Amino acid sequence: MELAQLEAFLQVAHHRSFSRAAEALFLTQPSVTARIQSLERELGERLFERSGRSVSLTDAGLAFIPHAQRALTAVQEGADAIDAVRHGEVGNIRIGASSSIGTYLLPETMKRYREMRPGVHVHMSMGQTEDIVERLLAGLIHIAICRLTQHSELESIHIYNDVLTLVVPPGHPFAKRDGVTLAEAAEQPFIFFDRNSSYHGLVYGTFLRAGVAPESVMEIDSMEGIKHMVEAGLGVAILPEMSIRREARAGDLVPIRLSDIEQPAEREVGLHVLKNRIMSPPIRDFIRLIGEEHGLTKALEDKQVLIEESATESQQA
């Protein structure tokens, strides 16, 4: 089985088209077709159904996708490791982050990282915590930054607490008050995160523990969407403080203290890597940068998150 076959397979699977896959690979369509046919003969199964111009994956093709991705990732990591040793300034780093963290926390970090490692190509994927952790376990990304979770195959370290706060539009009656109770907030039209989000359970649970049930008028799977809805006066919401800093400074949203709870609702955010993984220099530098920004350098060392040459020596022994 050749890497060229796997690349052709993944491109056809992505584009659902042999011609567009050929364009992406800078090949002729017959060349791509030949690679797919050779791969299918080798595997003994059809990977695609072809009907006129329509191309769809068979069950075998769907099952093969993650394995093909991991194989290419492993080869790329090997090439990156060689480049890192040879030049020390090039390579690839794949980061997975929950949507709020990737949108509001990481841009400043990435700016510093680009200044530190301008030759490193960064791949970032965002989504829900469960999806990001699955990608890390499958070897598709190097680092996950998302809700703190525990898994036997992962080394995880707490970064910070993502504090949530009630927000209202500037003209709202709450905007002139020092604080409001949960019961008062529950009487307002409430805009929630989508139910599949961990934020939804966190916010709703805060109300339930206080014995009140807010009136949900809308559920949205986009934090930016929720902010715009609140700005438009369609309701109030509880959002992460880090997501509303710009709007609060501009006066477009007003954060309001919930006066009857001692501890604000918050979500623990963590950095996750695979245990006992030897880190290339670009990956180690990014983790160190996160550690410096959040005062975690010693904790990273204590947990042996930054595994370098000593791990290689122990494996050779």
C-alpha atoms as a PDB file:
ATOM      1  CA  MET A   1       0.000   0.000   0.000  1.00  0.00           C
ATOM      2  CA  GLU A   2       1.438   3.341  -1.081  1.00  0.00           C
ATOM      3  CA  LEU A   3       1.040   6.801   0.407  1.00  0.00           C
ATOM      4  CA  ALA A   4       0.011   8.093  -3.006  1.00  0.00           C
ATOM      5  CA  GLN A   5      -2.952   5.712  -2.932  1.00  0.00           C
ATOM      6  CA  LEU A   6      -3.998   6.949   0.505  1.00  0.00           C
ATOM      7  CA  GLU A   7      -3.683  10.595  -0.541  1.00  0.00           C
ATOM      8  CA  ALA A   8      -5.839   9.956  -3.608  1.00  0.00           C
ATOM      9  CA  PHE A   9      -8.412   8.083  -1.524  1.00  0.00           C
ATOM     10  CA  LEU A  10      -8.724  10.880   1.059  1.00  0.00           C
ATOM     11  CA  GLN A  11      -8.976  13.590  -1.599  1.00  0.00           C
ATOM     12  CA  VAL A  12     -11.741  11.749  -3.472  1.00  0.00           C
ATOM     13  CA  ALA A  13     -13.521  11.073  -0.173  1.00  0.00           C
ATOM     14  CA  HIS A  14     -13.282  14.766   0.740  1.00  0.00           C
ATOM     15  CA  HIS A  15     -14.346  16.215  -2.629  1.00  0.00           C
ATOM     16  CA  ARG A  16     -16.721  13.390  -3.623  1.00  0.00           C
ATOM     17  CA  SER A  17     -15.251  13.845  -7.071  1.00  0.00           C
ATOM     18  CA  PHE A  18     -12.362  12.264  -9.003  1.00  0.00           C
ATOM     19  CA  SER A  19     -11.840  15.363 -11.121  1.00  0.00           C
ATOM     20  CA  ARG A  20     -11.664  17.758  -8.151  1.00  0.00           C
ATOM     21  CA  ALA A  21      -9.371  15.333  -6.319  1.00  0.00           C
ATOM     22  CA  ALA A  22      -7.102  15.313  -9.374  1.00  0.00           C
ATOM     23  CA  GLU A  23      -6.986  19.115  -9.351  1.00  0.00           C
ATOM     24  CA  ALA A  24      -6.102  19.163  -5.639  1.00  0.00           C
ATOM     25  CA  LEU A  25      -3.274  16.653  -6.212  1.00  0.00           C
ATOM     26  CA  PHE A  26      -2.086  18.282  -9.475  1.00  0.00           C
ATOM     27  CA  LEU A  27      -2.646  14.992 -11.300  1.00  0.00           C
ATOM     28  CA  THR A  28      -4.723  13.823 -14.220  1.00  0.00           C
ATOM     29  CA  GLN A  29      -8.063  12.192 -13.464  1.00  0.00           C
ATOM     30  CA  PRO A  30      -6.937   8.831 -14.968  1.00  0.00           C
ATOM     31  CA  SER A  31      -3.963   8.836 -12.575  1.00  0.00           C
ATOM     32  CA  VAL A  32      -6.258   9.316  -9.572  1.00  0.00           C
ATOM     33  CA  THR A  33      -8.626   6.639 -10.872  1.00  0.00           C
ATOM     34  CA  ALA A  34      -5.733   4.216 -11.313  1.00  0.00           C
ATOM     35  CA  ARG A  35      -4.545   4.805  -7.747  1.00  0.00           C
ATOM     36  CA  ILE A  36      -8.029   4.190  -6.322  1.00  0.00           C
ATOM     37  CA  GLN A  37      -8.509   1.046  -8.400  1.00  0.00           C
ATOM     38  CA  SER A  38      -5.117  -0.268  -7.285  1.00  0.00           C
ATOM     39  CA  LEU A  39      -5.989   0.406  -3.650  1.00  0.00           C
ATOM     40  CA  GLU A  40      -9.368  -1.297  -4.000  1.00  0.00           C
ATOM     41  CA  ARG A  41      -7.716  -4.384  -5.518  1.00  0.00           C
ATOM     42  CA  GLU A  42      -5.220  -4.472  -2.677  1.00  0.00           C
ATOM     43  CA  LEU A  43      -7.942  -4.184  -0.038  1.00  0.00           C
ATOM     44  CA  GLY A  44     -10.352  -6.484  -1.806  1.00  0.00           C
ATOM     45  CA  GLU A  45     -13.255  -4.068  -1.383  1.00  0.00           C
ATOM     46  CA  ARG A  46     -14.846  -1.241  -3.343  1.00  0.00           C
ATOM     47  CA  LEU A  47     -14.282   2.070  -1.546  1.00  0.00           C
ATOM     48  CA  PHE A  48     -16.526   4.232  -3.741  1.00  0.00           C
ATOM     49  CA  GLU A  49     -19.818   3.885  -5.545  1.00  0.00           C
ATOM     50  CA  ARG A  50     -19.767   5.604  -8.919  1.00  0.00           C
ATOM     51  CA  SER A  51     -23.003   6.628 -10.590  1.00  0.00           C
ATOM     52  CA  GLY A  52     -22.481   8.979 -13.513  1.00  0.00           C
ATOM     53  CA  ARG A  53     -20.767  12.045 -12.071  1.00  0.00           C
ATOM     54  CA  SER A  54     -21.821  11.164  -8.525  1.00  0.00           C
ATOM     55  CA  VAL A  55     -19.293   9.566  -6.177  1.00  0.00           C
ATOM     56  CA  SER A  56     -20.137   8.266  -2.706  1.00  0.00           C
ATOM     57  CA  LEU A  57     -18.281   6.227  -0.116  1.00  0.00           C
ATOM     58  CA  THR A  58     -19.190   2.605   0.480  1.00  0.00           C
ATOM     59  CA  ASP A  59     -19.385   1.248   4.037  1.00  0.00           C
ATOM     60  CA  ALA A  60     -15.856  -0.084   3.536  1.00  0.00           C
ATOM     61  CA  GLY A  61     -14.704   3.365   2.422  1.00  0.00           C
ATOM     62  CA  LEU A  62     -16.233   5.030   5.458  1.00  0.00           C
ATOM     63  CA  ALA A  63     -14.553   2.503   7.752  1.00  0.00           C
ATOM     64  CA  PHE A  64     -11.185   3.041   6.050  1.00  0.00           C
ATOM     65  CA  ILE A  65     -11.075   6.869   6.315  1.00  0.00           C
ATOM     66  CA  PRO A  66      -9.749   7.245   9.914  1.00  0.00           C
ATOM     67  CA  HIS A  67      -7.046   4.619   9.309  1.00  0.00           C
ATOM     68  CA  ALA A  68      -5.877   6.336   6.143  1.00  0.00           C
ATOM     69  CA  GLN A  69      -5.806   9.685   7.978  1.00  0.00           C
ATOM     70  CA  ARG A  70      -3.751   8.233  10.840  1.00  0.00           C
ATOM     71  CA  ALA A  71      -1.295   6.638   8.417  1.00  0.00           C
ATOM     72  CA  LEU A  72      -0.661   9.923   6.606  1.00  0.00           C
ATOM     73  CA  THR A  73      -0.445  11.795   9.902  1.00  0.00           C
ATOM     74  CA  ALA A  74       2.148   9.329  11.219  1.00  0.00           C
ATOM     75  CA  VAL A  75       4.272   9.700   8.087  1.00  0.00           C
ATOM     76  CA  GLN A  76       3.954  13.496   8.226  1.00  0.00           C
ATOM     77  CA  GLU A  77       5.021  13.483  11.875  1.00  0.00           C
ATOM     78  CA  GLY A  78       8.071  11.454  10.912  1.00  0.00           C
ATOM     79  CA  ALA A  79       8.984  13.951   8.211  1.00  0.00           C
ATOM     80  CA  ASP A  80       8.346  16.828  10.645  1.00  0.00           C
ATOM     81  CA  ALA A  81      10.644  15.247  13.222  1.00  0.00           C
ATOM     82  CA  ILE A  82      13.443  15.012  10.661  1.00  0.00           C
ATOM     83  CA  ASP A  83      12.905  18.609   9.588  1.00  0.00           C
ATOM     84  CA  ALA A  84      12.858  19.742  13.214  1.00  0.00           C
ATOM     85  CA  VAL A  85      16.194  18.028  13.856  1.00  0.00           C
ATOM     86  CA  ARG A  86      17.708  19.373  10.645  1.00  0.00           C
ATOM     87  CA  HIS A  87      16.483  22.962  10.864  1.00  0.00           C
ATOM     88  CA  GLY A  88      14.903  23.405  14.293  1.00  0.00           C
ATOM     89  CA  GLU A  89      12.463  26.006  12.966  1.00  0.00           C
ATOM     90  CA  VAL A  90      10.084  24.174  10.644  1.00  0.00           C
ATOM     91  CA  GLY A  91       7.393  21.569  10.978  1.00  0.00           C
ATOM     92  CA  ASN A  92       3.706  21.199  11.654  1.00  0.00           C
ATOM     93  CA  ILE A  93       1.593  21.426  14.776  1.00  0.00           C
ATOM     94  CA  ARG A  94      -2.019  20.285  14.980  1.00  0.00           C
ATOM     95  CA  ILE A  95      -4.120  21.854  17.714  1.00  0.00           C
ATOM     96  CA  GLY A  96      -7.688  21.045  18.647  1.00  0.00           C
ATOM     97  CA  ALA A  97      -9.679  23.500  20.735  1.00  0.00           C
ATOM     98  CA  SER A  98     -13.246  23.948  21.845  1.00  0.00           C
ATOM     99  CA  SER A  99     -14.881  26.698  19.810  1.00  0.00           C
ATOM    100  CA  SER A 100     -14.892  29.370  22.531  1.00  0.00           C
ATOM    101  CA  ILE A 101     -11.229  28.796  23.395  1.00  0.00           C
ATOM    102  CA  GLY A 102     -10.108  28.791  19.779  1.00  0.00           C
ATOM    103  CA  THR A 103     -12.062  31.977  19.111  1.00  0.00           C
ATOM    104  CA  TYR A 104     -11.367  34.062  22.204  1.00  0.00           C
ATOM    105  CA  LEU A 105      -8.332  32.660  24.066  1.00  0.00           C
ATOM    106  CA  LEU A 106      -5.890  31.397  21.474  1.00  0.00           C
ATOM    107  CA  PRO A 107      -5.534  34.287  18.977  1.00  0.00           C
ATOM    108  CA  GLU A 108      -3.111  36.204  21.231  1.00  0.00           C
ATOM    109  CA  THR A 109      -1.250  32.989  22.031  1.00  0.00           C
ATOM    110  CA  MET A 110      -0.974  32.181  18.337  1.00  0.00           C
ATOM    111  CA  LYS A 111       0.364  35.668  17.641  1.00  0.00           C
ATOM    112  CA  ARG A 112       3.196  35.083  20.115  1.00  0.00           C
ATOM    113  CA  TYR A 113       3.796  31.600  18.755  1.00  0.00           C
ATOM    114  CA  ARG A 114       4.068  32.874  15.174  1.00  0.00           C
ATOM    115  CA  GLU A 115       6.676  35.373  16.319  1.00  0.00           C
ATOM    116  CA  MET A 116       8.558  32.524  18.003  1.00  0.00           C
ATOM    117  CA  ARG A 117       8.185  29.918  15.233  1.00  0.00           C
ATOM    118  CA  PRO A 118       7.419  31.725  11.928  1.00  0.00           C
ATOM    119  CA  GLY A 119       8.348  28.646   9.884  1.00  0.00           C
ATOM    120  CA  VAL A 120       5.926  26.283  11.601  1.00  0.00           C
ATOM    121  CA  HIS A 121       2.640  25.519   9.862  1.00  0.00           C
ATOM    122  CA  VAL A 122      -0.261  25.509  12.323  1.00  0.00           C
ATOM    123  CA  HIS A 123      -3.384  23.407  11.781  1.00  0.00           C
ATOM    124  CA  MET A 124      -6.235  24.264  14.154  1.00  0.00           C
ATOM    125  CA  SER A 125      -9.574  22.499  14.371  1.00  0.00           C
ATOM    126  CA  MET A 126     -12.405  23.639  16.631  1.00  0.00           C
ATOM    127  CA  GLY A 127     -15.442  21.816  17.920  1.00  0.00           C
ATOM    128  CA  GLN A 128     -17.017  20.346  21.023  1.00  0.00           C
ATOM    129  CA  THR A 129     -14.809  18.833  23.715  1.00  0.00           C
ATOM    130  CA  GLU A 130     -15.849  15.238  23.015  1.00  0.00           C
ATOM    131  CA  ASP A 131     -14.928  15.555  19.331  1.00  0.00           C
ATOM    132  CA  ILE A 132     -11.599  17.238  20.080  1.00  0.00           C
ATOM    133  CA  VAL A 133     -10.609  14.553  22.609  1.00  0.00           C
ATOM    134  CA  GLU A 134     -11.526  11.805  20.134  1.00  0.00           C
ATOM    135  CA  ARG A 135      -9.261  13.404  17.531  1.00  0.00           C
ATOM    136  CA  LEU A 136      -6.418  13.516  20.044  1.00  0.00           C
ATOM    137  CA  LEU A 137      -6.876   9.852  20.991  1.00  0.00           C
ATOM    138  CA  ALA A 138      -6.949   8.926  17.297  1.00  0.00           C
ATOM    139  CA  GLY A 139      -3.615  10.670  16.752  1.00  0.00           C
ATOM    140  CA  LEU A 140      -5.063  13.280  14.402  1.00  0.00           C
ATOM    141  CA  ILE A 141      -3.946  16.247  16.543  1.00  0.00           C
ATOM    142  CA  HIS A 142      -1.025  16.850  18.903  1.00  0.00           C
ATOM    143  CA  ILE A 143      -2.654  19.008  21.575  1.00  0.00           C
ATOM    144  CA  ALA A 144      -6.219  19.489  22.799  1.00  0.00           C
ATOM    145  CA  ILE A 145      -7.305  22.588  24.722  1.00  0.00           C
ATOM    146  CA  CYS A 146     -10.869  22.191  25.919  1.00  0.00           C
ATOM    147  CA  ARG A 147     -12.967  21.328  28.938  1.00  0.00           C
ATOM    148  CA  LEU A 148     -10.838  19.540  31.531  1.00  0.00           C
ATOM    149  CA  THR A 149     -11.443  15.821  31.287  1.00  0.00           C
ATOM    150  CA  GLN A 150      -9.765  12.650  32.521  1.00  0.00           C
ATOM    151  CA  HIS A 151      -8.752   9.675  30.392  1.00  0.00           C
ATOM    152  CA  SER A 152      -6.288   6.876  31.046  1.00  0.00           C
ATOM    153  CA  GLU A 153      -4.408   7.558  27.796  1.00  0.00           C
ATOM    154  CA  LEU A 154      -4.122  11.318  28.314  1.00  0.00           C
ATOM    155  CA  GLU A 155      -1.967  13.600  30.398  1.00  0.00           C
ATOM    156  CA  SER A 156      -4.192  16.521  31.364  1.00  0.00           C
ATOM    157  CA  ILE A 157      -3.460  19.691  33.271  1.00  0.00           C
ATOM    158  CA  HIS A 158      -5.786  22.443  34.455  1.00  0.00           C
ATOM    159  CA  ILE A 159      -5.147  25.792  32.721  1.00  0.00           C
ATOM    160  CA  TYR A 160      -7.800  28.138  34.097  1.00  0.00           C
ATOM    161  CA  ASN A 161     -11.478  28.423  34.998  1.00  0.00           C
ATOM    162  CA  ASP A 162     -13.757  29.748  32.289  1.00  0.00           C
ATOM    163  CA  VAL A 163     -16.043  32.037  34.344  1.00  0.00           C
ATOM    164  CA  LEU A 164     -19.559  32.750  33.058  1.00  0.00           C
ATOM    165  CA  THR A 165     -21.521  35.960  33.589  1.00  0.00           C
ATOM    166  CA  LEU A 166     -24.994  37.290  32.844  1.00  0.00           C
ATOM    167  CA  VAL A 167     -25.069  39.767  29.941  1.00  0.00           C
ATOM    168  CA  VAL A 168     -27.782  42.184  28.817  1.00  0.00           C
ATOM    169  CA  PRO A 169     -28.047  44.912  26.147  1.00  0.00           C
ATOM    170  CA  PRO A 170     -27.238  48.502  27.222  1.00  0.00           C
ATOM    171  CA  GLY A 171     -30.871  49.633  27.355  1.00  0.00           C
ATOM    172  CA  HIS A 172     -32.039  46.755  29.541  1.00  0.00           C
ATOM    173  CA  PRO A 173     -33.376  47.616  33.050  1.00  0.00           C
ATOM    174  CA  PHE A 174     -30.677  45.372  34.589  1.00  0.00           C
ATOM    175  CA  ALA A 175     -27.927  47.447  32.962  1.00  0.00           C
ATOM    176  CA  LYS A 176     -28.211  50.176  35.634  1.00  0.00           C
ATOM    177  CA  ARG A 177     -28.121  47.785  38.596  1.00  0.00           C
ATOM    178  CA  ASP A 178     -25.164  46.509  40.604  1.00  0.00           C
ATOM    179  CA  GLY A 179     -26.500  42.956  40.510  1.00  0.00           C
ATOM    180  CA  VAL A 180     -29.574  40.781  40.108  1.00  0.00           C
ATOM    181  CA  THR A 181     -30.713  37.465  41.543  1.00  0.00           C
ATOM    182  CA  LEU A 182     -31.033  34.242  39.588  1.00  0.00           C
ATOM    183  CA  ALA A 183     -34.791  34.373  40.109  1.00  0.00           C
ATOM    184  CA  GLU A 184     -34.916  37.843  38.530  1.00  0.00           C
ATOM    185  CA  ALA A 185     -32.745  36.682  35.633  1.00  0.00           C
ATOM    186  CA  ALA A 186     -34.990  33.637  35.113  1.00  0.00           C
ATOM    187  CA  GLU A 187     -37.975  35.923  34.519  1.00  0.00           C
ATOM    188  CA  GLN A 188     -36.298  37.361  31.421  1.00  0.00           C
ATOM    189  CA  PRO A 189     -36.449  35.820  27.926  1.00  0.00           C
ATOM    190  CA  PHE A 190     -33.345  33.632  27.990  1.00  0.00           C
ATOM    191  CA  ILE A 191     -31.062  32.681  25.124  1.00  0.00           C
ATOM    192  CA  PHE A 192     -29.269  29.372  25.717  1.00  0.00           C
ATOM    193  CA  PHE A 193     -26.460  27.507  24.074  1.00  0.00           C
ATOM    194  CA  ASP A 194     -27.424  24.499  21.998  1.00  0.00           C
ATOM    195  CA  ARG A 195     -28.274  21.495  24.195  1.00  0.00           C
ATOM    196  CA  ASN A 196     -25.282  19.553  22.860  1.00  0.00           C
ATOM    197  CA  SER A 197     -22.930  22.130  24.369  1.00  0.00           C
ATOM    198  CA  SER A 198     -21.457  21.668  27.841  1.00  0.00           C
ATOM    199  CA  TYR A 199     -22.315  25.322  28.458  1.00  0.00           C
ATOM    200  CA  HIS A 200     -26.024  24.527  28.215  1.00  0.00           C
ATOM    201  CA  GLY A 201     -25.911  22.040  31.084  1.00  0.00           C
ATOM    202  CA  LEU A 202     -23.683  24.308  33.157  1.00  0.00           C
ATOM    203  CA  VAL A 203     -25.966  27.339  32.808  1.00  0.00           C
ATOM    204  CA  TYR A 204     -29.234  25.455  33.190  1.00  0.00           C
ATOM    205  CA  GLY A 205     -27.877  23.560  36.192  1.00  0.00           C
ATOM    206  CA  THR A 206     -27.039  26.857  37.891  1.00  0.00           C
ATOM    207  CA  PHE A 207     -30.697  27.876  37.717  1.00  0.00           C
ATOM    208  CA  LEU A 208     -32.023  24.483  38.799  1.00  0.00           C
ATOM    209  CA  ARG A 209     -29.816  24.439  41.897  1.00  0.00           C
ATOM    210  CA  ALA A 210     -31.404  27.764  42.859  1.00  0.00           C
ATOM    211  CA  GLY A 211     -34.878  26.274  42.370  1.00  0.00           C
ATOM    212  CA  VAL A 212     -35.821  28.405  39.360  1.00  0.00           C
ATOM    213  CA  ALA A 213     -36.392  27.593  35.704  1.00  0.00           C
ATOM    214  CA  PRO A 214     -35.672  30.307  33.117  1.00  0.00           C
ATOM    215  CA  GLU A 215     -37.888  30.835  30.090  1.00  0.00           C
ATOM    216  CA  SER A 216     -35.894  29.649  27.114  1.00  0.00           C
ATOM    217  CA  VAL A 217     -36.848  31.582  23.998  1.00  0.00           C
ATOM    218  CA  MET A 218     -33.968  30.516  21.802  1.00  0.00           C
ATOM    219  CA  GLU A 219     -31.123  27.970  21.587  1.00  0.00           C
ATOM    220  CA  ILE A 220     -28.112  28.764  19.408  1.00  0.00           C
ATOM    221  CA  ASP A 221     -24.966  26.766  18.666  1.00  0.00           C
ATOM    222  CA  SER A 222     -22.851  29.885  18.088  1.00  0.00           C
ATOM    223  CA  MET A 223     -21.508  32.147  20.826  1.00  0.00           C
ATOM    224  CA  GLU A 224     -21.237  35.026  18.372  1.00  0.00           C
ATOM    225  CA  GLY A 225     -24.844  34.390  17.386  1.00  0.00           C
ATOM    226  CA  ILE A 226     -25.971  34.554  21.015  1.00  0.00           C
ATOM    227  CA  LYS A 227     -24.144  37.842  21.545  1.00  0.00           C
ATOM    228  CA  HIS A 228     -25.799  39.423  18.496  1.00  0.00           C
ATOM    229  CA  MET A 229     -29.218  38.243  19.656  1.00  0.00           C
ATOM    230  CA  VAL A 230     -28.673  39.790  23.091  1.00  0.00           C
ATOM    231  CA  GLU A 231     -27.432  43.021  21.508  1.00  0.00           C
ATOM    232  CA  ALA A 232     -30.627  43.089  19.421  1.00  0.00           C
ATOM    233  CA  GLY A 233     -32.706  42.951  22.615  1.00  0.00           C
ATOM    234  CA  LEU A 234     -34.147  39.483  22.021  1.00  0.00           C
ATOM    235  CA  GLY A 235     -33.211  38.217  25.460  1.00  0.00           C
ATOM    236  CA  VAL A 236     -30.452  37.857  28.035  1.00  0.00           C
ATOM    237  CA  ALA A 237     -27.783  35.159  28.297  1.00  0.00           C
ATOM    238  CA  ILE A 238     -25.029  33.771  30.492  1.00  0.00           C
ATOM    239  CA  LEU A 239     -21.748  33.755  28.552  1.00  0.00           C
ATOM    240  CA  PRO A 240     -18.035  33.196  29.276  1.00  0.00           C
ATOM    241  CA  GLU A 241     -16.404  36.419  30.417  1.00  0.00           C
ATOM    242  CA  MET A 242     -13.594  36.000  27.893  1.00  0.00           C
ATOM    243  CA  SER A 243     -16.120  36.011  25.024  1.00  0.00           C
ATOM    244  CA  ILE A 244     -17.631  39.423  25.826  1.00  0.00           C
ATOM    245  CA  ARG A 245     -14.575  41.516  26.678  1.00  0.00           C
ATOM    246  CA  ARG A 246     -14.599  43.432  23.408  1.00  0.00           C
ATOM    247  CA  GLU A 247     -18.353  44.106  23.514  1.00  0.00           C
ATOM    248  CA  ALA A 248     -18.202  45.118  27.183  1.00  0.00           C
ATOM    249  CA  ARG A 249     -15.432  47.643  26.464  1.00  0.00           C
ATOM    250  CA  ALA A 250     -17.406  49.020  23.513  1.00  0.00           C
ATOM    251  CA  GLY A 251     -20.611  49.229  25.549  1.00  0.00           C
ATOM    252  CA  ASP A 252     -22.504  46.840  23.263  1.00  0.00           C
ATOM    253  CA  LEU A 253     -23.107  44.338  26.086  1.00  0.00           C
ATOM    254  CA  VAL A 254     -23.302  44.878  29.846  1.00  0.00           C
ATOM    255  CA  PRO A 255     -22.071  42.138  32.221  1.00  0.00           C
ATOM    256  CA  ILE A 256     -24.246  41.829  35.331  1.00  0.00           C
ATOM    257  CA  ARG A 257     -23.257  40.251  38.642  1.00  0.00           C
ATOM    258  CA  LEU A 258     -25.542  37.506  39.962  1.00  0.00           C
ATOM    259  CA  SER A 259     -25.837  38.660  43.543  1.00  0.00           C
ATOM    260  CA  ASP A 260     -27.214  35.523  45.199  1.00  0.00           C
ATOM    261  CA  ILE A 261     -24.544  32.997  44.233  1.00  0.00           C
ATOM    262  CA  GLU A 262     -21.195  32.813  46.034  1.00  0.00           C
ATOM    263  CA  GLN A 263     -19.354  31.067  43.204  1.00  0.00           C
ATOM    264  CA  PRO A 264     -20.052  32.092  39.593  1.00  0.00           C
ATOM    265  CA  ALA A 265     -20.746  29.303  37.118  1.00  0.00           C
ATOM    266  CA  GLU A 266     -17.482  28.237  35.560  1.00  0.00           C
ATOM    267  CA  ARG A 267     -15.992  25.540  33.381  1.00  0.00           C
ATOM    268  CA  GLU A 268     -12.554  24.041  34.009  1.00  0.00           C
ATOM    269  CA  VAL A 269     -10.337  24.265  30.937  1.00  0.00           C
ATOM    270  CA  GLY A 270      -7.392  21.957  30.455  1.00  0.00           C
ATOM    271  CA  LEU A 271      -4.502  21.138  28.150  1.00  0.00           C
ATOM    272  CA  HIS A 272      -4.400  17.497  27.020  1.00  0.00           C
ATOM    273  CA  VAL A 273      -1.715  15.435  25.278  1.00  0.00           C
ATOM    274  CA  LEU A 274      -1.180  11.723  24.798  1.00  0.00           C
ATOM    275  CA  LYS A 275       0.812  10.139  27.621  1.00  0.00           C
ATOM    276  CA  ASN A 276       4.505   9.401  27.079  1.00  0.00           C
ATOM    277  CA  ARG A 277       4.550  11.094  23.703  1.00  0.00           C
ATOM    278  CA  ILE A 278       7.875  12.413  22.432  1.00  0.00           C
ATOM    279  CA  MET A 279       7.281  16.040  21.456  1.00  0.00           C
ATOM    280  CA  SER A 280       8.890  17.690  18.458  1.00  0.00           C
ATOM    281  CA  PRO A 281      10.391  21.171  19.135  1.00  0.00           C
ATOM    282  CA  PRO A 282       7.419  23.095  17.638  1.00  0.00           C
ATOM    283  CA  ILE A 283       4.954  21.211  19.861  1.00  0.00           C
ATOM    284  CA  ARG A 284       7.103  21.622  22.980  1.00  0.00           C
ATOM    285  CA  ASP A 285       7.427  25.352  22.317  1.00  0.00           C
ATOM    286  CA  PHE A 286       3.677  25.801  22.031  1.00  0.00           C
ATOM    287  CA  ILE A 287       3.036  23.905  25.270  1.00  0.00           C
ATOM    288  CA  ARG A 288       5.735  25.933  27.033  1.00  0.00           C
ATOM    289  CA  LEU A 289       4.116  29.129  25.782  1.00  0.00           C
ATOM    290  CA  ILE A 290       0.737  28.086  27.200  1.00  0.00           C
ATOM    291  CA  GLY A 291       2.510  27.223  30.444  1.00  0.00           C
ATOM    292  CA  GLU A 292       4.191  30.620  30.662  1.00  0.00           C
ATOM    293  CA  GLU A 293       0.958  32.494  29.954  1.00  0.00           C
ATOM    294  CA  HIS A 294      -0.921  30.679  32.713  1.00  0.00           C
ATOM    295  CA  GLY A 295       1.876  30.073  35.240  1.00  0.00           C
ATOM    296  CA  LEU A 296       1.970  26.316  34.598  1.00  0.00           C
ATOM    297  CA  THR A 297       5.615  25.694  33.713  1.00  0.00           C
ATOM    298  CA  LYS A 298       6.413  23.725  36.875  1.00  0.00           C
ATOM    299  CA  ALA A 299       3.152  21.785  36.673  1.00  0.00           C
ATOM    300  CA  LEU A 300       3.954  20.769  33.094  1.00  0.00           C
ATOM    301  CA  GLU A 301       7.381  19.556  34.158  1.00  0.00           C
ATOM    302  CA  ASP A 302       6.009  17.701  37.189  1.00  0.00           C
ATOM    303  CA  LYS A 303       3.497  15.866  35.011  1.00  0.00           C
ATOM    304  CA  GLN A 304       6.191  15.173  32.395  1.00  0.00           C
ATOM    305  CA  VAL A 305       4.065  16.700  29.664  1.00  0.00           C
ATOM    306  CA  LEU A 306       7.202  18.002  27.917  1.00  0.00           C
ATOM    307  CA  ILE A 307       8.858  14.736  26.912  1.00  0.00           C
ATOM    308  CA  GLU A 308      12.140  15.229  25.094  1.00  0.00           C
ATOM    309  CA  GLU A 309      15.339  13.282  24.442  1.00  0.00           C
ATOM    310  CA  SER A 310      15.220  11.452  27.803  1.00  0.00           C
ATOM    311  CA  ALA A 311      12.116   9.616  26.599  1.00  0.00           C
ATOM    312  CA  THR A 312      13.954   8.549  23.456  1.00  0.00           C
ATOM    313  CA  GLU A 313      16.863   7.230  25.514  1.00  0.00           C
ATOM    314  CA  SER A 314      14.586   5.238  27.812  1.00  0.00           C
ATOM    315  CA  GLN A 315      12.838   3.678  24.837  1.00  0.00           C
ATOM    316  CA  GLN A 316      16.167   2.678  23.267  1.00  0.00           C
ATOM    317  CA  ALA A 317      17.300   1.168  26.579  1.00  0.00           C
END
